[in-house]
All heavy atoms as atom14 arrays in JSON, in Angstrom:
{
  "sequence": "YDIRHWDMATLLPLLEYSVNVKRDVVRQDPFEKGLRKA",
  "atom14_mask": [
    [1, 1, 1, 1, 1, 1, 1, 1, 1, 1, 1, 1, 0, 0],
    [1, 1, 1, 1, 1, 1, 1, 1, 0, 0, 0, 0, 0, 0],
    [1, 1, 1, 1, 1, 1, 1, 1, 0, 0, 0, 0, 0, 0],
    [1, 1, 1, 1, 1, 1, 1, 1, 1, 1, 1, 0, 0, 0],
    [1, 1, 1, 1, 1, 1, 1, 1, 1, 1, 0, 0, 0, 0],
    [1, 1, 1, 1, 1, 1, 1, 1, 1, 1, 1, 1, 1, 1],
    [1, 1, 1, 1, 1, 1, 1, 1, 0, 0, 0, 0, 0, 0],
    [1, 1, 1, 1, 1, 1, 1, 1, 0, 0, 0, 0, 0, 0],
    [1, 1, 1, 1, 1, 0, 0, 0, 0, 0, 0, 0, 0, 0],
    [1, 1, 1, 1, 1, 1, 1, 0, 0, 0, 0, 0, 0, 0],
    [1, 1, 1, 1, 1, 1, 1, 1, 0, 0, 0, 0, 0, 0],
    [1, 1, 1, 1, 1, 1, 1, 1, 0, 0, 0, 0, 0, 0],
    [1, 1, 1, 1, 1, 1, 1, 0, 0, 0, 0, 0, 0, 0],
    [1, 1, 1, 1, 1, 1, 1, 1, 0, 0, 0, 0, 0, 0],
    [1, 1, 1, 1, 1, 1, 1, 1, 0, 0, 0, 0, 0, 0],
    [1, 1, 1, 1, 1, 1, 1, 1, 1, 0, 0, 0, 0, 0],
    [1, 1, 1, 1, 1, 1, 1, 1, 1, 1, 1, 1, 0, 0],
    [1, 1, 1, 1, 1, 1, 0, 0, 0, 0, 0, 0, 0, 0],
    [1, 1, 1, 1, 1, 1, 1, 0, 0, 0, 0, 0, 0, 0],
    [1, 1, 1, 1, 1, 1, 1, 1, 0, 0, 0, 0, 0, 0],
    [1, 1, 1, 1, 1, 1, 1, 0, 0, 0, 0, 0, 0, 0],
    [1, 1, 1, 1, 1, 1, 1, 1, 1, 0, 0, 0, 0, 0],
    [1, 1, 1, 1, 1, 1, 1, 1, 1, 1, 1, 0, 0, 0],
    [1, 1, 1, 1, 1, 1, 1, 1, 0, 0, 0, 0, 0, 0],
    [1, 1, 1, 1, 1, 1, 1, 0, 0, 0, 0, 0, 0, 0],
    [1, 1, 1, 1, 1, 1, 1, 0, 0, 0, 0, 0, 0, 0],
    [1, 1, 1, 1, 1, 1, 1, 1, 1, 1, 1, 0, 0, 0],
    [1, 1, 1, 1, 1, 1, 1, 1, 1, 0, 0, 0, 0, 0],
    [1, 1, 1, 1, 1, 1, 1, 1, 0, 0, 0, 0, 0, 0],
    [1, 1, 1, 1, 1, 1, 1, 0, 0, 0, 0, 0, 0, 0],
    [1, 1, 1, 1, 1, 1, 1, 1, 1, 1, 1, 0, 0, 0],
    [1, 1, 1, 1, 1, 1, 1, 1, 1, 0, 0, 0, 0, 0],
    [1, 1, 1, 1, 1, 1, 1, 1, 1, 0, 0, 0, 0, 0],
    [1, 1, 1, 1, 0, 0, 0, 0, 0, 0, 0, 0, 0, 0],
    [1, 1, 1, 1, 1, 1, 1, 1, 0, 0, 0, 0, 0, 0],
    [1, 1, 1, 1, 1, 1, 1, 1, 1, 1, 1, 0, 0, 0],
    [1, 1, 1, 1, 1, 1, 1, 1, 1, 0, 0, 0, 0, 0],
    [1, 1, 1, 1, 1, 0, 0, 0, 0, 0, 0, 0, 0, 0]
  ],
  "atom14_positions": [
    [[78.26, -214.82, 165.31], [77.04, -214.17, 165.8], [76.63, -213.03, 164.87], [77.48, -212.24, 164.43], [77.27, -213.66, 167.22], [76.07, -212.95, 167.82], [75.01, -213.66, 168.34], [76.02, -211.55, 167.84], [73.91, -213.01, 168.88], [74.92, -210.89, 168.38], [73.87, -211.63, 168.89], [72.79, -210.98, 169.43], [0.0, 0.0, 0.0], [0.0, 0.0, 0.0]],
    [[75.35, -212.89, 164.62], [74.85, -211.89, 163.69], [74.71, -210.54, 164.39], [73.7, -210.26, 165.03], [73.5, -212.33, 163.12], [72.99, -211.39, 162.04], [73.68, -210.39, 161.72], [71.89, -211.65, 161.51], [0.0, 0.0, 0.0], [0.0, 0.0, 0.0], [0.0, 0.0, 0.0], [0.0, 0.0, 0.0], [0.0, 0.0, 0.0], [0.0, 0.0, 0.0]],
    [[75.74, -209.69, 164.27], [75.73, -208.41, 164.94], [74.91, -207.36, 164.2], [74.8, -206.22, 164.66], [77.16, -207.88, 165.18], [77.92, -207.79, 163.86], [77.9, -208.73, 166.19], [79.28, -207.17, 164.0], [0.0, 0.0, 0.0], [0.0, 0.0, 0.0], [0.0, 0.0, 0.0], [0.0, 0.0, 0.0], [0.0, 0.0, 0.0], [0.0, 0.0, 0.0]],
    [[74.33, -207.74, 163.07], [73.44, -206.8, 162.38], [72.0, -206.94, 162.85], [71.17, -206.08, 162.62], [73.52, -207.02, 160.86], [74.84, -206.53, 160.27], [74.96, -206.84, 158.79], [76.17, -206.26, 158.23], [77.38, -206.78, 158.37], [77.52, -207.91, 159.05], [78.43, -206.19, 157.84], [0.0, 0.0, 0.0], [0.0, 0.0, 0.0], [0.0, 0.0, 0.0]],
    [[71.73, -208.07, 163.5], [70.38, -208.31, 164.03], [70.56, -208.89, 165.45], [70.56, -210.09, 165.65], [69.61, -209.29, 163.15], [69.48, -208.85, 161.72], [70.4, -209.18, 160.75], [68.57, -208.05, 161.12], [70.05, -208.64, 159.6], [68.95, -207.95, 159.8], [0.0, 0.0, 0.0], [0.0, 0.0, 0.0], [0.0, 0.0, 0.0], [0.0, 0.0, 0.0]],
    [[70.68, -207.98, 166.41], [70.99, -208.39, 167.79], [69.81, -209.13, 168.4], [68.73, -208.58, 168.57], [71.32, -207.17, 168.63], [72.57, -206.48, 168.18], [72.68, -205.52, 167.22], [73.9, -206.71, 168.64], [73.99, -205.13, 167.07], [74.77, -205.84, 167.93], [74.46, -207.56, 169.6], [76.14, -205.79, 168.15], [75.83, -207.52, 169.83], [76.65, -206.65, 169.11]],
    [[70.04, -210.4, 168.71], [69.05, -211.21, 169.4], [69.55, -211.45, 170.82], [70.55, -212.14, 171.02], [68.84, -212.55, 168.68], [67.85, -213.43, 169.41], [66.64, -213.17, 169.31], [68.3, -214.38, 170.1], [0.0, 0.0, 0.0], [0.0, 0.0, 0.0], [0.0, 0.0, 0.0], [0.0, 0.0, 0.0], [0.0, 0.0, 0.0], [0.0, 0.0, 0.0]],
    [[68.88, -210.85, 171.79], [69.4, -210.86, 173.16], [69.38, -212.27, 173.77], [70.22, -212.6, 174.6], [68.62, -209.88, 174.03], [68.8, -208.44, 173.6], [70.57, -207.96, 173.55], [70.48, -206.44, 172.59], [0.0, 0.0, 0.0], [0.0, 0.0, 0.0], [0.0, 0.0, 0.0], [0.0, 0.0, 0.0], [0.0, 0.0, 0.0], [0.0, 0.0, 0.0]],
    [[68.42, -213.08, 173.37], [68.39, -214.44, 173.9], [69.6, -215.24, 173.44], [70.16, -216.04, 174.19], [67.1, -215.14, 173.46], [0.0, 0.0, 0.0], [0.0, 0.0, 0.0], [0.0, 0.0, 0.0], [0.0, 0.0, 0.0], [0.0, 0.0, 0.0], [0.0, 0.0, 0.0], [0.0, 0.0, 0.0], [0.0, 0.0, 0.0], [0.0, 0.0, 0.0]],
    [[70.02, -215.01, 172.2], [71.21, -215.69, 171.68], [72.49, -215.07, 172.24], [73.48, -215.76, 172.46], [71.23, -215.6, 170.14], [69.98, -216.08, 169.63], [72.36, -216.44, 169.56], [0.0, 0.0, 0.0], [0.0, 0.0, 0.0], [0.0, 0.0, 0.0], [0.0, 0.0, 0.0], [0.0, 0.0, 0.0], [0.0, 0.0, 0.0], [0.0, 0.0, 0.0]],
    [[72.44, -213.77, 172.48], [73.62, -213.08, 173.01], [73.91, -213.47, 174.45], [75.09, -213.55, 174.85], [73.4, -211.56, 172.93], [74.54, -210.68, 173.46], [75.78, -210.83, 172.59], [74.09, -209.22, 173.53], [0.0, 0.0, 0.0], [0.0, 0.0, 0.0], [0.0, 0.0, 0.0], [0.0, 0.0, 0.0], [0.0, 0.0, 0.0], [0.0, 0.0, 0.0]],
    [[72.87, -213.73, 175.25], [73.05, -213.93, 176.68], [74.07, -215.02, 177.03], [74.96, -214.8, 177.85], [71.71, -214.2, 177.36], [71.76, -214.31, 178.88], [72.28, -213.02, 179.49], [70.38, -214.64, 179.44], [0.0, 0.0, 0.0], [0.0, 0.0, 0.0], [0.0, 0.0, 0.0], [0.0, 0.0, 0.0], [0.0, 0.0, 0.0], [0.0, 0.0, 0.0]],
    [[73.98, -216.24, 176.44], [74.98, -217.25, 176.8], [76.39, -216.86, 176.38], [77.36, -217.19, 177.08], [74.51, -218.51, 176.08], [73.57, -218.05, 175.02], [72.94, -216.8, 175.54], [0.0, 0.0, 0.0], [0.0, 0.0, 0.0], [0.0, 0.0, 0.0], [0.0, 0.0, 0.0], [0.0, 0.0, 0.0], [0.0, 0.0, 0.0], [0.0, 0.0, 0.0]],
    [[76.54, -216.15, 175.25], [77.86, -215.67, 174.86], [78.38, -214.66, 175.86], [79.57, -214.65, 176.21], [77.79, -215.04, 173.46], [77.48, -215.96, 172.28], [77.31, -215.13, 171.01], [78.58, -216.99, 172.1], [0.0, 0.0, 0.0], [0.0, 0.0, 0.0], [0.0, 0.0, 0.0], [0.0, 0.0, 0.0], [0.0, 0.0, 0.0], [0.0, 0.0, 0.0]],
    [[77.49, -213.8, 176.34], [77.87, -212.79, 177.33], [78.26, -213.43, 178.66], [79.27, -213.07, 179.26], [76.72, -211.8, 177.52], [76.89, -210.74, 178.59], [78.11, -209.88, 178.32], [75.63, -209.87, 178.68], [0.0, 0.0, 0.0], [0.0, 0.0, 0.0], [0.0, 0.0, 0.0], [0.0, 0.0, 0.0], [0.0, 0.0, 0.0], [0.0, 0.0, 0.0]],
    [[77.46, -214.39, 179.12], [77.79, -215.07, 180.37], [79.15, -215.75, 180.28], [79.96, -215.68, 181.21], [76.7, -216.11, 180.7], [75.4, -215.5, 181.17], [74.49, -216.53, 181.82], [74.95, -217.24, 182.73], [73.32, -216.64, 181.41], [0.0, 0.0, 0.0], [0.0, 0.0, 0.0], [0.0, 0.0, 0.0], [0.0, 0.0, 0.0], [0.0, 0.0, 0.0]],
    [[79.4, -216.42, 179.17], [80.7, -217.08, 178.99], [81.82, -216.05, 179.03], [82.85, -216.25, 179.68], [80.71, -217.83, 177.65], [81.89, -218.76, 177.47], [81.75, -220.14, 177.64], [83.14, -218.27, 177.14], [82.83, -221.0, 177.48], [84.23, -219.11, 176.97], [84.07, -220.48, 177.14], [85.15, -221.32, 176.98], [0.0, 0.0, 0.0], [0.0, 0.0, 0.0]],
    [[81.6, -214.93, 178.34], [82.63, -213.89, 178.28], [82.92, -213.31, 179.66], [84.08, -213.14, 180.04], [82.18, -212.79, 177.32], [83.2, -211.85, 177.1], [0.0, 0.0, 0.0], [0.0, 0.0, 0.0], [0.0, 0.0, 0.0], [0.0, 0.0, 0.0], [0.0, 0.0, 0.0], [0.0, 0.0, 0.0], [0.0, 0.0, 0.0], [0.0, 0.0, 0.0]],
    [[81.87, -212.99, 180.41], [82.07, -212.46, 181.76], [82.81, -213.47, 182.63], [83.69, -213.11, 183.42], [80.71, -212.08, 182.38], [80.86, -211.78, 183.87], [80.11, -210.89, 181.66], [0.0, 0.0, 0.0], [0.0, 0.0, 0.0], [0.0, 0.0, 0.0], [0.0, 0.0, 0.0], [0.0, 0.0, 0.0], [0.0, 0.0, 0.0], [0.0, 0.0, 0.0]],
    [[82.49, -214.75, 182.47], [83.15, -215.76, 183.29], [84.61, -215.96, 182.91], [85.42, -216.35, 183.75], [82.39, -217.08, 183.2], [81.11, -217.05, 184.01], [81.04, -216.39, 185.04], [80.08, -217.76, 183.55], [0.0, 0.0, 0.0], [0.0, 0.0, 0.0], [0.0, 0.0, 0.0], [0.0, 0.0, 0.0], [0.0, 0.0, 0.0], [0.0, 0.0, 0.0]],
    [[84.98, -215.68, 181.64], [86.39, -215.69, 181.27], [87.13, -214.65, 182.11], [88.18, -214.93, 182.7], [86.58, -215.39, 179.77], [88.06, -215.13, 179.45], [86.06, -216.54, 178.92], [0.0, 0.0, 0.0], [0.0, 0.0, 0.0], [0.0, 0.0, 0.0], [0.0, 0.0, 0.0], [0.0, 0.0, 0.0], [0.0, 0.0, 0.0], [0.0, 0.0, 0.0]],
    [[86.56, -213.44, 182.18], [87.21, -212.4, 182.97], [87.2, -212.74, 184.46], [88.22, -212.55, 185.15], [86.51, -211.05, 182.73], [87.14, -209.93, 183.53], [86.62, -208.56, 183.15], [87.36, -207.47, 183.91], [86.93, -206.11, 183.52], [0.0, 0.0, 0.0], [0.0, 0.0, 0.0], [0.0, 0.0, 0.0], [0.0, 0.0, 0.0], [0.0, 0.0, 0.0]],
    [[86.09, -213.23, 184.97], [86.01, -213.56, 186.4], [87.03, -214.61, 186.78], [87.65, -214.53, 187.86], [84.61, -214.06, 186.74], [83.53, -213.0, 186.68], [82.18, -213.59, 186.99], [82.06, -213.95, 188.39], [81.12, -214.75, 188.88], [80.23, -215.31, 188.07], [81.05, -215.01, 190.17], [0.0, 0.0, 0.0], [0.0, 0.0, 0.0], [0.0, 0.0, 0.0]],
    [[87.24, -215.58, 185.91], [88.21, -216.64, 186.22], [89.62, -216.07, 186.3], [90.4, -216.44, 187.19], [88.13, -217.73, 185.15], [89.04, -218.91, 185.47], [88.88, -219.49, 186.57], [89.89, -219.25, 184.64], [0.0, 0.0, 0.0], [0.0, 0.0, 0.0], [0.0, 0.0, 0.0], [0.0, 0.0, 0.0], [0.0, 0.0, 0.0], [0.0, 0.0, 0.0]],
    [[89.95, -215.17, 185.39], [91.27, -214.55, 185.41], [91.44, -213.7, 186.66], [92.47, -213.77, 187.35], [91.5, -213.69, 184.14], [92.77, -212.86, 184.27], [91.56, -214.57, 182.91], [0.0, 0.0, 0.0], [0.0, 0.0, 0.0], [0.0, 0.0, 0.0], [0.0, 0.0, 0.0], [0.0, 0.0, 0.0], [0.0, 0.0, 0.0], [0.0, 0.0, 0.0]],
    [[90.43, -212.89, 186.99], [90.5, -212.02, 188.16], [90.59, -212.84, 189.44], [91.32, -212.48, 190.38], [89.28, -211.07, 188.2], [89.24, -210.29, 189.52], [89.33, -210.11, 187.02], [0.0, 0.0, 0.0], [0.0, 0.0, 0.0], [0.0, 0.0, 0.0], [0.0, 0.0, 0.0], [0.0, 0.0, 0.0], [0.0, 0.0, 0.0], [0.0, 0.0, 0.0]],
    [[89.88, -213.95, 189.48], [89.92, -214.82, 190.65], [91.35, -215.31, 190.91], [91.8, -215.39, 192.06], [88.99, -216.01, 190.43], [88.86, -216.94, 191.64], [87.98, -218.13, 191.32], [86.62, -217.73, 190.93], [86.1, -217.94, 189.74], [86.8, -218.54, 188.79], [84.87, -217.56, 189.47], [0.0, 0.0, 0.0], [0.0, 0.0, 0.0], [0.0, 0.0, 0.0]],
    [[92.07, -215.63, 189.85], [93.43, -216.14, 189.99], [94.45, -215.04, 190.29], [95.49, -215.3, 190.91], [93.84, -216.87, 188.72], [93.01, -218.11, 188.42], [93.44, -218.76, 187.11], [94.56, -219.24, 186.99], [92.55, -218.76, 186.14], [0.0, 0.0, 0.0], [0.0, 0.0, 0.0], [0.0, 0.0, 0.0], [0.0, 0.0, 0.0], [0.0, 0.0, 0.0]],
    [[94.16, -213.81, 189.84], [95.14, -212.73, 189.98], [94.41, -211.4, 190.16], [94.36, -210.58, 189.26], [96.05, -212.68, 188.74], [97.07, -211.55, 188.8], [97.4, -211.1, 189.91], [97.53, -211.13, 187.73], [0.0, 0.0, 0.0], [0.0, 0.0, 0.0], [0.0, 0.0, 0.0], [0.0, 0.0, 0.0], [0.0, 0.0, 0.0], [0.0, 0.0, 0.0]],
    [[93.84, -211.16, 191.35], [92.99, -209.98, 191.53], [93.7, -208.65, 191.4], [93.09, -207.65, 191.01], [92.43, -210.16, 192.95], [93.37, -211.09, 193.63], [93.88, -212.0, 192.56], [0.0, 0.0, 0.0], [0.0, 0.0, 0.0], [0.0, 0.0, 0.0], [0.0, 0.0, 0.0], [0.0, 0.0, 0.0], [0.0, 0.0, 0.0], [0.0, 0.0, 0.0]],
    [[95.0, -208.58, 191.7], [95.7, -207.3, 191.71], [96.67, -207.13, 190.55], [97.57, -206.31, 190.58], [96.41, -207.11, 193.04], [95.47, -207.04, 194.21], [95.4, -208.1, 195.11], [94.65, -205.94, 194.4], [94.53, -208.05, 196.19], [93.78, -205.89, 195.47], [93.71, -206.95, 196.37], [0.0, 0.0, 0.0], [0.0, 0.0, 0.0], [0.0, 0.0, 0.0]],
    [[96.49, -207.93, 189.49], [97.24, -207.78, 188.25], [98.75, -207.89, 188.45], [99.53, -207.08, 187.97], [96.88, -206.44, 187.58], [97.16, -206.44, 186.08], [96.58, -205.23, 185.36], [95.35, -205.04, 185.44], [97.35, -204.51, 184.73], [0.0, 0.0, 0.0], [0.0, 0.0, 0.0], [0.0, 0.0, 0.0], [0.0, 0.0, 0.0], [0.0, 0.0, 0.0]],
    [[99.14, -208.93, 189.18], [100.58, -209.2, 189.35], [101.12, -210.08, 188.24], [102.32, -210.11, 187.99], [100.82, -209.88, 190.7], [100.34, -209.08, 191.9], [101.07, -207.75, 192.02], [100.66, -207.0, 193.27], [101.31, -205.67, 193.37], [0.0, 0.0, 0.0], [0.0, 0.0, 0.0], [0.0, 0.0, 0.0], [0.0, 0.0, 0.0], [0.0, 0.0, 0.0]],
    [[100.23, -210.82, 187.58], [100.67, -211.73, 186.53], [99.58, -211.97, 185.5], [99.37, -211.17, 184.59], [0.0, 0.0, 0.0], [0.0, 0.0, 0.0], [0.0, 0.0, 0.0], [0.0, 0.0, 0.0], [0.0, 0.0, 0.0], [0.0, 0.0, 0.0], [0.0, 0.0, 0.0], [0.0, 0.0, 0.0], [0.0, 0.0, 0.0], [0.0, 0.0, 0.0]],
    [[98.82, -213.07, 185.67], [97.86, -213.52, 184.67], [96.86, -212.45, 184.27], [96.46, -212.36, 183.11], [97.12, -214.76, 185.17], [96.06, -215.34, 184.24], [96.68, -215.79, 182.92], [95.32, -216.5, 184.93], [0.0, 0.0, 0.0], [0.0, 0.0, 0.0], [0.0, 0.0, 0.0], [0.0, 0.0, 0.0], [0.0, 0.0, 0.0], [0.0, 0.0, 0.0]],
    [[96.42, -211.61, 185.21], [95.39, -210.62, 184.88], [95.86, -209.64, 183.8], [95.03, -209.02, 183.14], [94.98, -209.85, 186.15], [93.82, -208.89, 185.88], [93.18, -208.37, 187.13], [92.1, -207.43, 186.8], [91.2, -206.98, 187.66], [91.22, -207.39, 188.91], [90.27, -206.13, 187.28], [0.0, 0.0, 0.0], [0.0, 0.0, 0.0], [0.0, 0.0, 0.0]],
    [[97.17, -209.53, 183.61], [97.67, -208.67, 182.54], [97.17, -209.15, 181.17], [97.16, -208.37, 180.21], [99.2, -208.65, 182.54], [99.8, -207.98, 183.77], [101.33, -208.02, 183.72], [101.94, -207.39, 184.96], [103.43, -207.44, 184.95], [0.0, 0.0, 0.0], [0.0, 0.0, 0.0], [0.0, 0.0, 0.0], [0.0, 0.0, 0.0], [0.0, 0.0, 0.0]],
    [[96.76, -210.41, 181.09], [96.21, -210.92, 179.83], [94.99, -210.12, 179.4], [94.73, -209.96, 178.19], [95.85, -212.4, 179.97], [0.0, 0.0, 0.0], [0.0, 0.0, 0.0], [0.0, 0.0, 0.0], [0.0, 0.0, 0.0], [0.0, 0.0, 0.0], [0.0, 0.0, 0.0], [0.0, 0.0, 0.0], [0.0, 0.0, 0.0], [0.0, 0.0, 0.0]]
  ]
}
């Protein structure tokens, strides 16, 4: 991704994917007993 020329339309799907990576981990381990430590 071209971080010298931020295009928000191109960034949005990358951001959604990134947030969902975290949400999936938190869903499996909300209180950081195991996987959330990742």
